[in-house]
Every structure is written in C-alpha cells, then in structure tokens.
C-alpha cells in the first residue's frame, strides 16, 4: 500500500500505481488536516459570501445563491462541465490523474469532507477509475472539463474504467458494492478546480521520457562501440571544460557503460605522427551524431531534471481556489489553478523528446547508409543485395515519425485563447501540452525501437558481439530475445511493437532525479 500525505508523492510513485494493483491509503496527519479544514469552513460559510459556496462561478460570481440551492449548485457545476468528447486517456493515465487530484485535496486547503476522501480511496482500491477526456480543458481555472468527468464518476455518473474495462459508473458501483458520494459545501468546485489532470499526465511523461533518454544513451554508446570510435569525446577532461551538469553526467554514464569494451579505442595520439601521406584514410573525428552525444543528450537530461522537479512540486501543492487556511482562519482568493508551470515544462519536454527522435533517426541513417559508415552493407542487409531489402522499410517509419514529432513540438504555452466571457483571459493550455508531449514521447520510443533493431543488426553484421562492454553485451542478449536478427525479409510490425513495449516498461535505472526534499 502507498500512503498519501499530500507532501511527498513522486512521478515514480504515480507510475508504479498506474501500472499495478497497489492500493492506496491516507496518512493520519492528512486525515486530521482534512477534518479540521472542513470543520472550519462549515462553521463560517453561512455568515459570509464565499466564492463557489453561495455565489455563482466564474463571471457569474456576483450572483448570490440562496441557501436552499447550495447543494444543487455543486451538482450543476460538475454536470455542466462534463463536456469532453468520449475520447479518453488510457487507464494508466486516468489513474495518475485521479491520484494526483486526491493528493492535492488531502493537504487540507480545499475544505472537502473526510467522507469524500474516504470514498475516493475506496473507488481507487476497488478499481473504479474515472475516464478522463483528452480534449476540453484550457488549463487555467484548473483542468475544469477533465476534472468534471472525474467528479461525475465520484457521484456515480458518467463513464469509468472498472478493472480496466470501460463501463457506466452506475454499473461499476453495483459490481463493486459501493455507493456514490454526495457532495456538500464546495466539493464540486474543489474536485474540478485544479491542475491535477495535466500534472498526472505530466508525471507519467517524466518517467517515460527518462526511460527514452536511458535507451538513447545506451544505443548511442553501442554505435560508438560497433564503429570502433575513439573515446576522447566522452572523456571527463573534455566535458569538464563545458560547465553543464547534464553534459558531464551523460559522459560519465557513457564511460560506465563502456567499461570492459574491446572495441572503443583510446586516443593516445590524434594520428600517427610518422604518417607521410597528405590524406588520412581513417576519419580523425566521428560524425556529430556519434561524437556529440554528451552535448546533445546533456540538455535533454537537464531539461528532464528540471521538469521532474516542477511536476513533483505541483503534485504536492494545492491548486484550488479559494485556498482555505484553517490554522489562520483565513480564506484567500487567487489563481493557484493556473497551469503555466506545467504547460511550459511540457512544451520543453516536447522539444527535447523531438530532439531525441531526431538524434535517433540520424544515427539510424548513419548505420543504414554504407557510404557514411564505410563498414556495413547497405541497409545492413545480411542477404542478397537487390533481392532482399534489410532494414530499408523500417527507415521510412522512423523518418515519418520523426517528422511528425517536429510538427507536434510547437508550443501550447503561447497559444492562449480567451474564454469564459473573458474571465479566463489568459490561459495555459497545460493539459493540451501534456497530452501532446505524451504522444511525442510514444513516437520517440518508436524511433528508438527501430534504431535498436539497427544497432543489433550492425553488431551481428560486424561480428563484434563478444567484444562489447559487459554492460552492452547484456543489453544485446536481452533485446535479441525479443527481436531476432533480420536475415530473410519478413513483416516486423508486431515484433517492433513488442520491442517498443519492452523498452518502455524496462527503464535501466541509469538516471535518477532528486526532486523531493526532506
């Protein structure tokens, strides 16, 4: 069981929850905060004009709601904003969104009841997960549409995943022998007013993007090995004179991976000083896609490190409005629901993941083009040239997918459109950014998968498997069990999907970001 307290939930925690049947619970400290916050609001709301309790919402906030309509207001708010088309996130992402919202609510600044929290925990542990639509939210009064679909499931309506299968919420409740929750005070607004949808998706994006970076690093090192490159472009000395932490860390990891390699060459001299020819037969330096690995992957590392911190700060924040401070007995109105932090980081993630796919595609092209590498048959064709095609068909898929990433990587953060009678006059589009980033990461993993096939094929073509580093030999054997060498032409679609899924689900643990402070 994972015990939530509102303060230390990580992207890795969410990823584990999203892919397993691990149960969740709430810490005693969090439960006590929820209780005190709710009791405070309950004791003061009837004497005050409080946004979202006895006023209208958004541009209608000036309208006073009569006491006999307060509960109806909460239900109307949820139902009216359940307006997304039924094109839903997958079950894993929906679980991440649900836990992200729950973790925010238990911090004690939203004044929801303990009954609502207990109900959400029971929903999750009984595998009733609200279906979250991909389109609808502008990410600036929170992910209103996405979280309205979440809230609708909480009250027993709409569509859910039950044990991974889509069905009506009413049917899932019957099957799980649970009763829907009844909204009180401001619980409708509290459920939908926050950044939890973009943050939940963003957290899984961080994990998947880190996995993609790890595999890209491994494959980049394997190419350098297979091509018997010199080692100085990965040296500590060279990379230390560039003052970027990510670059030095990537170079260090590359050197660790290369330990024991019988292929990578130490550069004792730039060339043979006794060579009398005016033209060197051997390249003095590799192409950039091999030589500049630390300089290209370093910025990706640094961007992911920063994004992980931003995401996990948001996961453990209160993104509601208004904010209830029961300790000081104050209520603060503001804009913590605004998703700019997440939108900007997801835009950066789009860029660096697209860059990753571009590097992968260029390395693939280097391996497939015999005029560039000078060592391998064209398209690494291990059969009859002309009659057989090697990896020619796979390159088209990689090229097309990389191009799509370049198209998708435009900014969402700067594409604000005023909405809500101009009350929401500048918005984040954070959920759009997170969803597009997720698609780019999936695309990047597809390109990396194709490159992995080519790297393995090149190692076989050169017959250098037994000279690989200890680390890369294990990786070679690991991946060859899933994708056999291509000799005669064969359809590869299903094999590629199996390999991609394996890569995605089996990060190597090379890269860890420290984001949660004690």
Protein backbone atom coordinates (compact mmCIF):
# COMPACT_ATOMS: atom_id res chain seq x y z
CA UNK A 1 0.00 0.00 0.00
CA UNK A 2 1.14 3.55 -0.77
CA UNK A 3 0.21 6.01 1.98
CA UNK A 4 -0.53 9.51 0.66
CA UNK A 5 0.07 12.58 2.80
CA UNK A 6 -0.03 15.41 0.25
CA UNK A 7 3.66 16.24 0.51
CA UNK A 8 5.94 13.59 -0.98
CA UNK A 9 4.24 11.93 -3.95
CA UNK A 10 6.71 11.36 -6.80
CA UNK A 11 6.38 10.71 -10.51
CA UNK A 12 7.81 7.24 -9.92
CA UNK A 13 5.13 6.60 -7.29
CA UNK A 14 2.42 7.57 -9.75
CA UNK A 15 3.96 5.48 -12.48
CA UNK A 16 4.06 2.43 -10.19
CA UNK A 17 0.43 2.96 -9.17
CA UNK A 18 -0.69 3.43 -12.75
CA UNK A 19 0.77 0.10 -13.85
CA UNK A 20 -0.04 -2.09 -10.84
CA UNK A 21 -2.81 -3.06 -8.45
CA UNK A 22 -1.09 -1.39 -5.49
CA UNK A 23 -3.64 0.00 -3.01
CA UNK A 24 -3.55 3.49 -1.54
CA UNK A 25 -4.34 4.96 1.86
CA UNK A 26 -4.27 8.36 3.61
CA UNK A 27 -1.94 9.21 6.46
CA UNK A 28 -3.40 10.09 9.86
CA UNK A 29 -1.88 13.57 9.66
CA UNK A 30 -3.55 14.21 6.31
CA UNK A 31 -6.88 12.89 7.53
CA UNK A 32 -6.69 15.24 10.52
CA UNK A 33 -5.96 18.24 8.30
CA UNK A 34 -8.90 17.37 6.05
CA UNK A 35 -11.18 17.16 9.11
CA UNK A 36 -10.08 20.49 10.60
CA UNK A 37 -10.28 22.31 7.26
CA UNK A 38 -13.78 21.02 6.60
CA UNK A 39 -14.98 21.87 10.11
CA UNK A 40 -13.61 25.41 9.82
CA UNK A 41 -15.38 26.09 6.54
CA UNK A 42 -18.58 24.52 7.81
CA UNK A 43 -18.54 26.85 10.80
CA UNK A 44 -18.13 30.10 8.85
CA UNK A 45 -19.68 29.76 5.39
CA UNK A 46 -23.23 30.71 6.34
CA UNK A 47 -22.11 34.13 7.63
CA UNK A 48 -20.02 35.03 4.59
CA UNK A 49 -20.26 35.48 0.84
CA UNK A 50 -17.87 32.73 -0.25
CA UNK A 51 -16.95 32.04 -3.85
CA UNK A 52 -18.12 28.65 -5.01
CA UNK A 53 -20.33 28.02 -1.99
CA UNK A 54 -23.04 30.67 -2.03
CA UNK A 55 -22.01 32.61 -5.15
CA UNK A 56 -22.08 31.77 -8.81
CA UNK A 57 -18.92 30.68 -10.60
CA UNK A 58 -16.53 32.49 -12.92
CA UNK A 59 -18.05 35.63 -14.48
CA UNK A 60 -21.26 34.90 -12.52
CA UNK A 61 -19.51 35.18 -9.17
CA UNK A 62 -21.50 38.33 -8.36
CA UNK A 63 -24.72 36.30 -8.19
CA UNK A 64 -25.82 35.25 -4.69
CA UNK A 65 -27.12 31.67 -4.44
CA UNK A 66 -29.92 31.02 -1.98
CA UNK A 67 -29.30 28.60 0.88
CA UNK A 68 -31.75 26.03 -0.45
CA UNK A 69 -29.80 25.82 -3.77
CA UNK A 70 -26.26 25.40 -2.46
CA UNK A 71 -26.03 21.63 -2.95
CA UNK A 72 -27.71 21.89 -6.36
CA UNK A 73 -25.05 24.44 -7.35
CA UNK A 74 -22.28 21.88 -6.79
CA UNK A 75 -24.00 19.20 -8.85
CA UNK A 76 -24.83 21.68 -11.63
CA UNK A 77 -21.20 22.77 -11.75
CA UNK A 78 -19.97 19.19 -12.20
CA UNK A 79 -22.61 18.13 -14.71
CA UNK A 80 -22.44 21.28 -16.83
CA UNK A 81 -18.67 20.98 -17.28
CA UNK A 82 -18.74 17.29 -18.20
CA UNK A 83 -18.49 18.27 -21.85
CA UNK A 84 -15.48 16.42 -23.24
CA UNK A 85 -15.92 14.09 -26.19
CA UNK A 86 -15.66 10.40 -25.20
CA UNK A 87 -12.09 10.05 -26.45
CA UNK A 88 -10.41 9.11 -23.20
CA UNK A 89 -6.93 8.79 -21.78
CA UNK A 90 -5.90 5.20 -21.17
CA UNK A 91 -6.49 3.60 -17.77
CA UNK A 92 -2.92 4.26 -16.57
CA UNK A 93 -3.10 7.99 -17.23
CA UNK A 94 -6.58 8.20 -15.71
CA UNK A 95 -5.27 6.54 -12.54
CA UNK A 96 -2.45 9.09 -12.41
CA UNK A 97 -4.92 11.97 -12.76
CA UNK A 98 -7.16 10.55 -10.04
CA UNK A 99 -4.36 10.08 -7.50
CA UNK A 100 -2.92 13.48 -8.38
CA UNK A 101 -6.25 15.14 -7.52
CA UNK A 102 -6.65 13.13 -4.34
CA UNK A 103 -3.15 14.04 -3.16
CA UNK A 104 -3.92 17.73 -3.64
CA UNK A 105 -7.23 17.55 -1.75
CA UNK A 106 -5.76 15.87 1.33
CA UNK A 107 -3.42 18.78 2.03
CA UNK A 108 -6.26 20.45 3.94
CA UNK A 109 -6.63 23.66 1.92
CA UNK A 110 -9.73 22.68 -0.09
CA UNK A 111 -12.12 22.00 2.83
CA UNK A 112 -13.62 18.80 1.49
CA UNK A 113 -15.10 16.25 3.86
CA UNK A 114 -13.35 13.18 5.18
CA UNK A 115 -16.23 11.21 3.68
CA UNK A 116 -15.31 12.39 0.18
CA UNK A 117 -11.66 11.45 0.70
CA UNK A 118 -12.59 8.01 2.04
CA UNK A 119 -14.88 7.50 -0.92
CA UNK A 120 -12.17 8.37 -3.44
CA UNK A 121 -9.77 5.97 -1.73
CA UNK A 122 -12.43 3.23 -1.90
CA UNK A 123 -13.06 3.99 -5.57
CA UNK A 124 -9.39 3.62 -6.38
CA UNK A 125 -8.86 0.49 -4.33
CA UNK A 126 -11.91 -1.11 -5.97
CA UNK A 127 -10.52 -0.17 -9.39
CA UNK A 128 -13.21 2.37 -10.27
CA UNK A 129 -11.24 4.98 -12.20
CA UNK A 130 -12.97 7.97 -13.90
CA UNK A 131 -12.50 8.19 -17.66
CA UNK A 132 -10.76 11.48 -18.49
CA UNK A 133 -11.30 13.00 -21.96
CA UNK A 134 -8.32 14.16 -23.99
CA UNK A 135 -9.97 17.39 -25.20
CA UNK A 136 -11.72 20.13 -23.30
CA UNK A 137 -9.52 21.84 -20.72
CA UNK A 138 -7.77 25.18 -21.21
CA UNK A 139 -5.74 24.71 -18.03
CA UNK A 140 -6.37 27.98 -16.30
CA UNK A 141 -9.27 27.58 -13.91
CA UNK A 142 -7.79 24.21 -13.45
CA UNK A 143 -8.45 21.32 -15.81
CA UNK A 144 -12.17 22.02 -15.47
CA UNK A 145 -13.56 19.70 -18.13
CA UNK A 146 -11.21 16.81 -17.40
CA UNK A 147 -11.77 17.01 -13.65
CA UNK A 148 -15.53 17.45 -14.09
CA UNK A 149 -15.52 13.99 -15.68
CA UNK A 150 -13.60 12.79 -12.62
CA UNK A 151 -16.13 14.41 -10.27
CA UNK A 152 -19.04 12.96 -12.24
CA UNK A 153 -17.74 9.47 -11.56
CA UNK A 154 -17.38 10.31 -7.88
CA UNK A 155 -21.14 11.00 -7.72
CA UNK A 156 -21.89 7.78 -9.60
CA UNK A 157 -22.47 9.12 -13.11
CA UNK A 158 -20.59 9.09 -16.41
CA UNK A 159 -18.03 6.59 -17.68
CA UNK A 160 -15.29 4.81 -15.73
CA UNK A 161 -12.69 2.12 -16.10
CA UNK A 162 -13.70 -0.74 -13.86
CA UNK A 163 -10.90 -3.27 -13.52
CA UNK A 164 -9.50 -1.82 -16.74
CA UNK A 165 -12.73 -2.05 -18.77
CA UNK A 166 -14.86 0.94 -19.76
CA UNK A 167 -18.44 0.95 -18.46
CA UNK A 168 -21.04 3.23 -16.94
CA UNK A 169 -20.19 4.35 -13.43
CA UNK A 170 -23.55 3.14 -12.12
CA UNK A 171 -22.74 -0.41 -13.25
CA UNK A 172 -19.27 -0.29 -11.71
CA UNK A 173 -20.64 0.82 -8.37
CA UNK A 174 -23.08 -2.07 -8.34
CA UNK A 175 -20.32 -4.53 -9.23
CA UNK A 176 -18.02 -3.13 -6.52
CA UNK A 177 -20.87 -2.89 -3.99
CA UNK A 178 -20.17 0.80 -3.35
CA UNK A 179 -22.43 3.82 -3.07
CA UNK A 180 -21.65 7.11 -4.87
CA UNK A 181 -20.56 10.13 -2.85
CA UNK A 182 -22.91 13.02 -2.02
CA UNK A 183 -21.43 16.48 -2.50
CA UNK A 184 -21.54 19.04 0.31
CA UNK A 185 -20.37 22.65 0.75
CA UNK A 186 -17.88 23.37 -2.09
CA UNK A 187 -16.89 19.81 -3.01
CA UNK A 188 -17.99 20.07 -6.63
CA UNK A 189 -15.73 23.07 -7.13
CA UNK A 190 -12.90 21.51 -5.12
CA UNK A 191 -12.92 18.41 -7.29
CA UNK A 192 -12.73 20.23 -10.62
CA UNK A 193 -10.70 23.33 -9.75
CA UNK A 194 -7.04 22.36 -10.10
CA UNK A 195 -4.14 21.30 -12.31
CA UNK A 196 -4.31 17.61 -11.44
CA UNK A 197 -5.09 16.32 -14.93
CA UNK A 198 -2.13 17.97 -16.63
CA UNK A 199 0.05 17.11 -13.64
CA UNK A 200 -0.92 13.44 -13.55
CA UNK A 201 -0.24 13.02 -17.27
CA UNK A 202 2.93 15.09 -16.91
CA UNK A 203 4.24 12.83 -14.14
CA UNK A 204 3.95 9.74 -16.35
CA UNK A 205 5.55 11.71 -19.17
CA UNK A 206 8.60 12.36 -16.99
CA UNK A 207 9.04 8.65 -16.27
CA UNK A 208 8.57 7.61 -19.91
CA UNK A 209 10.82 10.39 -21.20
CA UNK A 210 13.56 9.40 -18.74
CA UNK A 211 13.30 5.80 -19.97
CA UNK A 212 13.60 7.01 -23.57
CA UNK A 213 16.70 9.02 -22.66
CA UNK A 214 18.31 6.00 -20.97
CA UNK A 215 17.80 3.79 -24.03
CA UNK A 216 19.00 6.56 -26.34
CA UNK A 217 22.20 6.83 -24.30
CA UNK A 218 22.78 3.07 -24.36
CA UNK A 219 22.23 2.83 -28.11
CA UNK A 220 24.47 5.84 -28.75
CA UNK A 221 27.26 4.16 -26.81
CA UNK A 222 26.71 0.86 -28.64
CA UNK A 223 27.02 2.60 -32.01
CA UNK A 224 30.29 4.18 -30.92
CA UNK A 225 31.45 0.72 -29.87
CA UNK A 226 30.37 -1.05 -33.04
CA UNK A 227 32.05 1.62 -35.17
CA UNK A 228 35.22 1.40 -33.03
CA UNK A 229 35.15 5.13 -32.34
CA UNK A 230 37.77 6.96 -30.30
CA UNK A 231 36.93 7.57 -26.66
CA UNK A 232 38.09 11.14 -26.09
CA UNK A 233 34.74 12.78 -26.92
CA UNK A 234 33.36 11.01 -23.82
CA UNK A 235 36.30 11.85 -21.56
CA UNK A 236 35.88 13.62 -18.23
CA UNK A 237 38.56 16.13 -19.22
CA UNK A 238 36.87 17.26 -22.43
CA UNK A 239 33.39 17.51 -20.94
CA UNK A 240 34.51 19.22 -17.73
CA UNK A 241 35.54 22.36 -19.61
CA UNK A 242 31.89 22.88 -20.60
CA UNK A 243 30.09 23.95 -17.42
CA UNK A 244 26.86 21.98 -17.78
CA UNK A 245 25.92 19.29 -15.27
CA UNK A 246 23.89 17.23 -17.74
CA UNK A 247 26.69 17.03 -20.27
CA UNK A 248 29.18 15.79 -17.71
CA UNK A 249 26.69 13.29 -16.29
CA UNK A 250 25.87 11.85 -19.72
CA UNK A 251 29.59 11.49 -20.47
CA UNK A 252 30.16 9.81 -17.10
CA UNK A 253 27.33 7.34 -17.68
CA UNK A 254 28.68 6.59 -21.16
CA UNK A 255 32.09 5.78 -19.71
CA UNK A 256 30.47 3.47 -17.14
CA UNK A 257 28.57 1.64 -19.89
CA UNK A 258 31.79 1.25 -21.90
CA UNK A 259 33.83 -0.39 -19.15
CA UNK A 260 35.49 -3.54 -20.45
CA UNK A 261 34.87 -2.74 -24.11
CA UNK A 262 37.34 -4.25 -26.53
CA UNK A 263 36.05 -2.07 -29.37
CA UNK A 264 36.23 1.55 -28.24
CA UNK A 265 39.66 3.00 -28.94
CA UNK A 266 41.81 5.14 -26.69
CA UNK A 267 43.17 8.18 -28.47
CA UNK A 268 46.79 8.39 -27.41
CA UNK A 269 47.65 10.47 -30.45
CA UNK A 270 45.44 12.30 -32.86
CA UNK A 271 47.06 10.38 -35.69
CA UNK A 272 50.23 8.52 -36.48
CA UNK A 273 52.93 11.17 -36.49
CA UNK A 274 55.04 9.12 -38.92
CA UNK A 275 52.28 9.03 -41.50
CA UNK A 276 53.65 10.71 -44.60
CA UNK A 277 50.52 10.78 -46.71
CA UNK A 278 48.72 14.07 -47.22
CA UNK A 279 45.31 12.41 -46.81
CA UNK A 280 44.33 10.27 -43.85
CA UNK A 281 42.39 7.14 -44.76
CA UNK A 282 40.82 6.99 -41.31
CA UNK A 283 38.45 9.66 -40.04
CA UNK A 284 40.09 11.83 -37.38
CA UNK A 285 36.67 12.58 -35.85
CA UNK A 286 33.27 10.87 -35.97
CA UNK A 287 30.10 12.38 -37.38
CA UNK A 288 28.27 14.64 -34.92
CA UNK A 289 25.54 12.08 -34.22
CA UNK A 290 28.22 9.86 -32.67
CA UNK A 291 30.75 12.39 -31.39
CA UNK A 292 28.42 14.95 -29.77
CA UNK A 293 26.41 12.61 -27.53
CA UNK A 294 27.16 14.48 -24.27
CA UNK A 295 26.42 17.85 -25.86
CA UNK A 296 23.10 16.66 -27.35
CA UNK A 297 21.81 14.42 -24.57
CA UNK A 298 23.10 16.72 -21.81
CA UNK A 299 20.44 19.39 -22.41
CA UNK A 300 17.80 16.65 -22.53
CA UNK A 301 19.00 15.41 -19.14
CA UNK A 302 18.95 18.90 -17.63
CA UNK A 303 15.51 19.67 -19.03
CA UNK A 304 14.07 16.43 -17.66
CA UNK A 305 15.67 17.06 -14.28
CA UNK A 306 14.07 20.50 -14.03
CA UNK A 307 10.71 19.27 -15.34
CA UNK A 308 10.66 16.44 -12.81
CA UNK A 309 11.09 18.96 -10.01
CA UNK A 310 8.33 21.22 -11.31
CA UNK A 311 5.92 18.31 -11.78
CA UNK A 312 6.54 16.92 -8.31
CA UNK A 313 6.20 20.36 -6.74
CA UNK A 314 2.80 20.61 -8.42
CA UNK A 315 1.83 17.08 -7.38
CA UNK A 316 2.38 18.10 -3.77
CA UNK A 317 0.73 21.52 -3.99
CA UNK A 318 -2.80 22.83 -3.56
CA UNK A 319 -4.09 24.06 -6.92
CA UNK A 320 -7.55 25.08 -5.76
CA UNK A 321 -9.37 28.41 -5.45
CA UNK A 322 -10.12 29.78 -2.98
CA UNK A 323 -7.49 28.45 -0.59
CA UNK A 324 -8.76 27.65 2.91
CA UNK A 325 -6.26 28.20 5.73
CA UNK A 326 -7.94 26.74 8.81
CA UNK A 327 -4.93 27.46 11.01
CA UNK A 328 -5.09 31.23 10.49
CA UNK A 329 -8.87 31.07 9.92
CA UNK A 330 -8.48 32.83 6.57
CA UNK A 331 -9.76 32.30 3.06
CA UNK A 332 -7.61 33.50 0.17
CA UNK A 333 -8.79 34.07 -3.41
CA UNK A 334 -6.25 33.76 -6.19
CA UNK A 335 -5.14 31.67 -9.14
CA UNK A 336 -3.34 28.55 -7.96
CA UNK A 337 -5.38 26.64 -10.54
CA UNK A 338 -3.36 28.25 -13.35
CA UNK A 339 -1.25 25.67 -15.21
CA UNK A 340 1.61 27.74 -16.60
CA UNK A 341 4.31 25.85 -14.73
CA UNK A 342 3.20 22.52 -16.16
CA UNK A 343 2.43 23.85 -19.63
CA UNK A 344 5.89 25.37 -20.02
CA UNK A 345 7.69 22.24 -18.80
CA UNK A 346 5.62 20.02 -21.09
CA UNK A 347 6.49 22.30 -24.01
CA UNK A 348 10.16 21.90 -23.15
CA UNK A 349 9.61 18.16 -22.92
CA UNK A 350 8.13 18.18 -26.43
CA UNK A 351 11.25 19.88 -27.76
CA UNK A 352 13.82 17.63 -26.11
CA UNK A 353 11.92 14.44 -26.95
CA UNK A 354 11.64 15.56 -30.55
CA UNK A 355 15.37 16.24 -30.45
CA UNK A 356 15.89 12.72 -29.12
CA UNK A 357 13.96 11.27 -32.05
CA UNK A 358 16.00 13.40 -34.44
CA UNK A 359 19.27 12.10 -32.99
CA UNK A 360 17.98 8.55 -33.14
CA UNK A 361 16.89 8.96 -36.76
CA UNK A 362 20.29 10.39 -37.74
CA UNK A 363 22.15 7.55 -36.03
CA UNK A 364 19.85 5.11 -37.82
CA UNK A 365 20.61 6.79 -41.14
CA UNK A 366 24.33 6.54 -40.40
CA UNK A 367 24.06 2.79 -39.83
CA UNK A 368 21.91 2.16 -42.91
CA UNK A 369 23.96 4.28 -45.33
CA UNK A 370 27.09 2.34 -46.25
CA UNK A 371 28.65 5.45 -47.78
CA UNK A 372 28.58 7.11 -44.35
CA UNK A 373 29.70 4.30 -42.07
CA UNK A 374 32.03 2.58 -44.55
CA UNK A 375 31.71 -0.74 -42.71
CA UNK A 376 28.20 -2.14 -43.15
CA UNK A 377 26.24 -3.39 -46.14
CA UNK A 378 23.55 -1.01 -47.39
CA UNK A 379 20.51 -1.07 -45.04
CA UNK A 380 22.50 -3.65 -43.02
CA UNK A 381 21.17 -6.23 -45.49
CA UNK A 382 22.53 -9.62 -44.45
CA UNK A 383 21.14 -11.44 -47.51
CA UNK A 384 21.31 -10.76 -51.26
CA UNK A 385 21.65 -7.09 -52.18
CA UNK A 386 18.87 -6.12 -54.59
CA UNK A 387 16.79 -9.20 -53.92
CA UNK A 388 16.47 -8.54 -50.19
CA UNK A 389 15.89 -5.18 -48.51
CA UNK A 390 17.34 -5.38 -45.00
CA UNK A 391 16.06 -2.52 -42.83
CA UNK A 392 15.01 -0.27 -45.69
CA UNK A 393 11.31 -0.38 -44.82
CA UNK A 394 11.96 0.36 -41.14
CA UNK A 395 13.75 3.59 -42.02
CA UNK A 396 10.65 5.02 -43.69
CA UNK A 397 8.69 4.58 -40.46
CA UNK A 398 11.41 6.24 -38.41
CA UNK A 399 11.71 9.17 -40.81
CA UNK A 400 7.96 9.74 -40.94
CA UNK A 401 7.55 9.50 -37.18
CA UNK A 402 10.40 11.93 -36.53
CA UNK A 403 8.83 14.40 -38.95
CA UNK A 404 5.53 14.14 -37.08
CA UNK A 405 7.33 14.96 -33.84
CA UNK A 406 8.79 18.08 -35.43
CA UNK A 407 5.28 19.17 -36.39
CA UNK A 408 3.83 18.40 -32.94
CA UNK A 409 6.56 20.16 -30.96
CA UNK A 410 5.14 23.65 -31.43
CA UNK A 411 4.31 25.47 -28.18
CA UNK A 412 0.98 25.17 -26.38
CA UNK A 413 2.11 27.57 -23.65
CA UNK A 414 1.96 30.58 -26.01
CA UNK A 415 -1.34 29.57 -27.63
CA UNK A 416 -3.66 31.17 -25.13
CA UNK A 417 -7.23 31.90 -26.26
CA UNK A 418 -9.52 33.96 -24.05
CA UNK A 419 -12.55 32.07 -22.75
CA UNK A 420 -15.36 32.11 -20.17
CA UNK A 421 -16.75 35.55 -21.14
CA UNK A 422 -13.16 36.81 -20.99
CA UNK A 423 -12.95 35.96 -17.29
CA UNK A 424 -10.25 33.45 -18.26
CA UNK A 425 -8.49 35.96 -20.48
CA UNK A 426 -5.07 34.27 -20.47
CA UNK A 427 -4.85 30.52 -20.11
CA UNK A 428 -2.11 27.86 -20.01
CA UNK A 429 -3.32 25.08 -22.33
CA UNK A 430 -1.34 22.86 -19.98
CA UNK A 431 -3.40 19.71 -20.48
CA UNK A 432 -3.04 20.04 -24.26
CA UNK A 433 0.70 20.41 -23.81
CA UNK A 434 0.93 17.36 -21.54
CA UNK A 435 -1.12 15.17 -23.91
CA UNK A 436 0.85 16.22 -26.99
CA UNK A 437 4.09 15.63 -25.08
CA UNK A 438 2.85 12.11 -24.28
CA UNK A 439 2.28 11.46 -27.97
CA UNK A 440 5.74 12.76 -28.87
CA UNK A 441 7.32 10.50 -26.24
CA UNK A 442 5.49 7.48 -27.69
CA UNK A 443 6.67 8.46 -31.16
CA UNK A 444 10.23 8.85 -29.90
CA UNK A 445 10.15 5.41 -28.36
CA UNK A 446 9.07 4.04 -31.75
CA UNK A 447 12.04 5.67 -33.48
CA UNK A 448 14.40 4.44 -30.75
CA UNK A 449 12.97 0.94 -31.16
CA UNK A 450 13.80 0.95 -34.85
CA UNK A 451 17.28 2.22 -34.09
CA UNK A 452 17.72 -0.57 -31.54
CA UNK A 453 16.96 -3.11 -34.27
CA UNK A 454 19.57 -1.47 -36.48
CA UNK A 455 22.22 -1.40 -33.76
CA UNK A 456 21.72 -5.09 -33.00
CA UNK A 457 21.82 -5.86 -36.73
CA UNK A 458 25.06 -3.89 -37.12
CA UNK A 459 26.69 -5.79 -34.26
CA UNK A 460 25.75 -9.07 -35.97
CA UNK A 461 26.92 -7.86 -39.37
CA UNK A 462 30.31 -6.88 -37.95
CA UNK A 463 30.51 -9.98 -35.74
CA UNK A 464 31.64 -7.91 -32.74
CA UNK A 465 29.17 -9.09 -30.10
CA UNK A 466 31.86 -10.74 -27.96
CA UNK A 467 33.96 -7.57 -27.92
CA UNK A 468 31.21 -5.36 -26.48
CA UNK A 469 31.44 -3.94 -22.98
CA UNK A 470 30.00 -6.17 -20.27
CA UNK A 471 27.01 -3.84 -19.90
CA UNK A 472 26.20 -3.68 -23.60
CA UNK A 473 26.65 -7.42 -24.07
CA UNK A 474 23.90 -7.96 -21.50
CA UNK A 475 21.70 -5.42 -23.30
CA UNK A 476 22.37 -7.12 -26.63
CA UNK A 477 21.38 -10.54 -25.29
CA UNK A 478 18.33 -9.03 -23.53
CA UNK A 479 16.97 -7.40 -26.69
CA UNK A 480 17.85 -10.24 -29.04
CA UNK A 481 15.46 -12.48 -27.09
CA UNK A 482 12.65 -10.19 -28.20
CA UNK A 483 13.73 -9.23 -31.72
CA UNK A 484 15.70 -11.85 -33.72
CA UNK A 485 18.20 -10.87 -36.39
CA UNK A 486 16.70 -9.99 -39.79
CA UNK A 487 18.09 -12.24 -42.49
CA UNK A 488 15.31 -13.06 -44.94
CA UNK A 489 12.67 -10.36 -45.43
CA UNK A 490 9.73 -10.61 -43.00
CA UNK A 491 6.94 -8.42 -41.63
CA UNK A 492 8.16 -6.72 -38.45
CA UNK A 493 5.20 -4.62 -37.19
CA UNK A 494 4.22 -6.86 -34.28
CA UNK A 495 7.83 -7.51 -33.33
CA UNK A 496 8.53 -3.78 -33.31
CA UNK A 497 5.55 -3.17 -31.03
CA UNK A 498 6.71 -5.89 -28.66
CA UNK A 499 10.21 -4.41 -28.53
CA UNK A 500 8.88 -0.88 -28.00
CA UNK A 501 6.71 -2.03 -25.12
CA UNK A 502 9.67 -3.83 -23.61
CA UNK A 503 11.88 -0.74 -23.82
CA UNK A 504 9.14 1.46 -22.32
CA UNK A 505 8.47 -0.89 -19.43
CA UNK A 506 12.11 -1.66 -18.66
CA UNK A 507 13.99 1.52 -17.89
CA UNK A 508 17.56 0.73 -16.87
CA UNK A 509 17.70 2.88 -13.74
CA UNK A 510 20.74 4.78 -15.01
CA UNK A 511 19.15 8.19 -14.42
CA UNK A 512 17.67 9.34 -11.12
CA UNK A 513 16.45 12.86 -10.42
CA UNK A 514 16.38 14.04 -6.80
CA UNK A 515 13.27 16.19 -6.65
CA UNK A 516 11.61 15.72 -3.25
CA UNK A 517 13.40 17.36 -0.32
CA UNK A 518 13.03 16.03 3.22
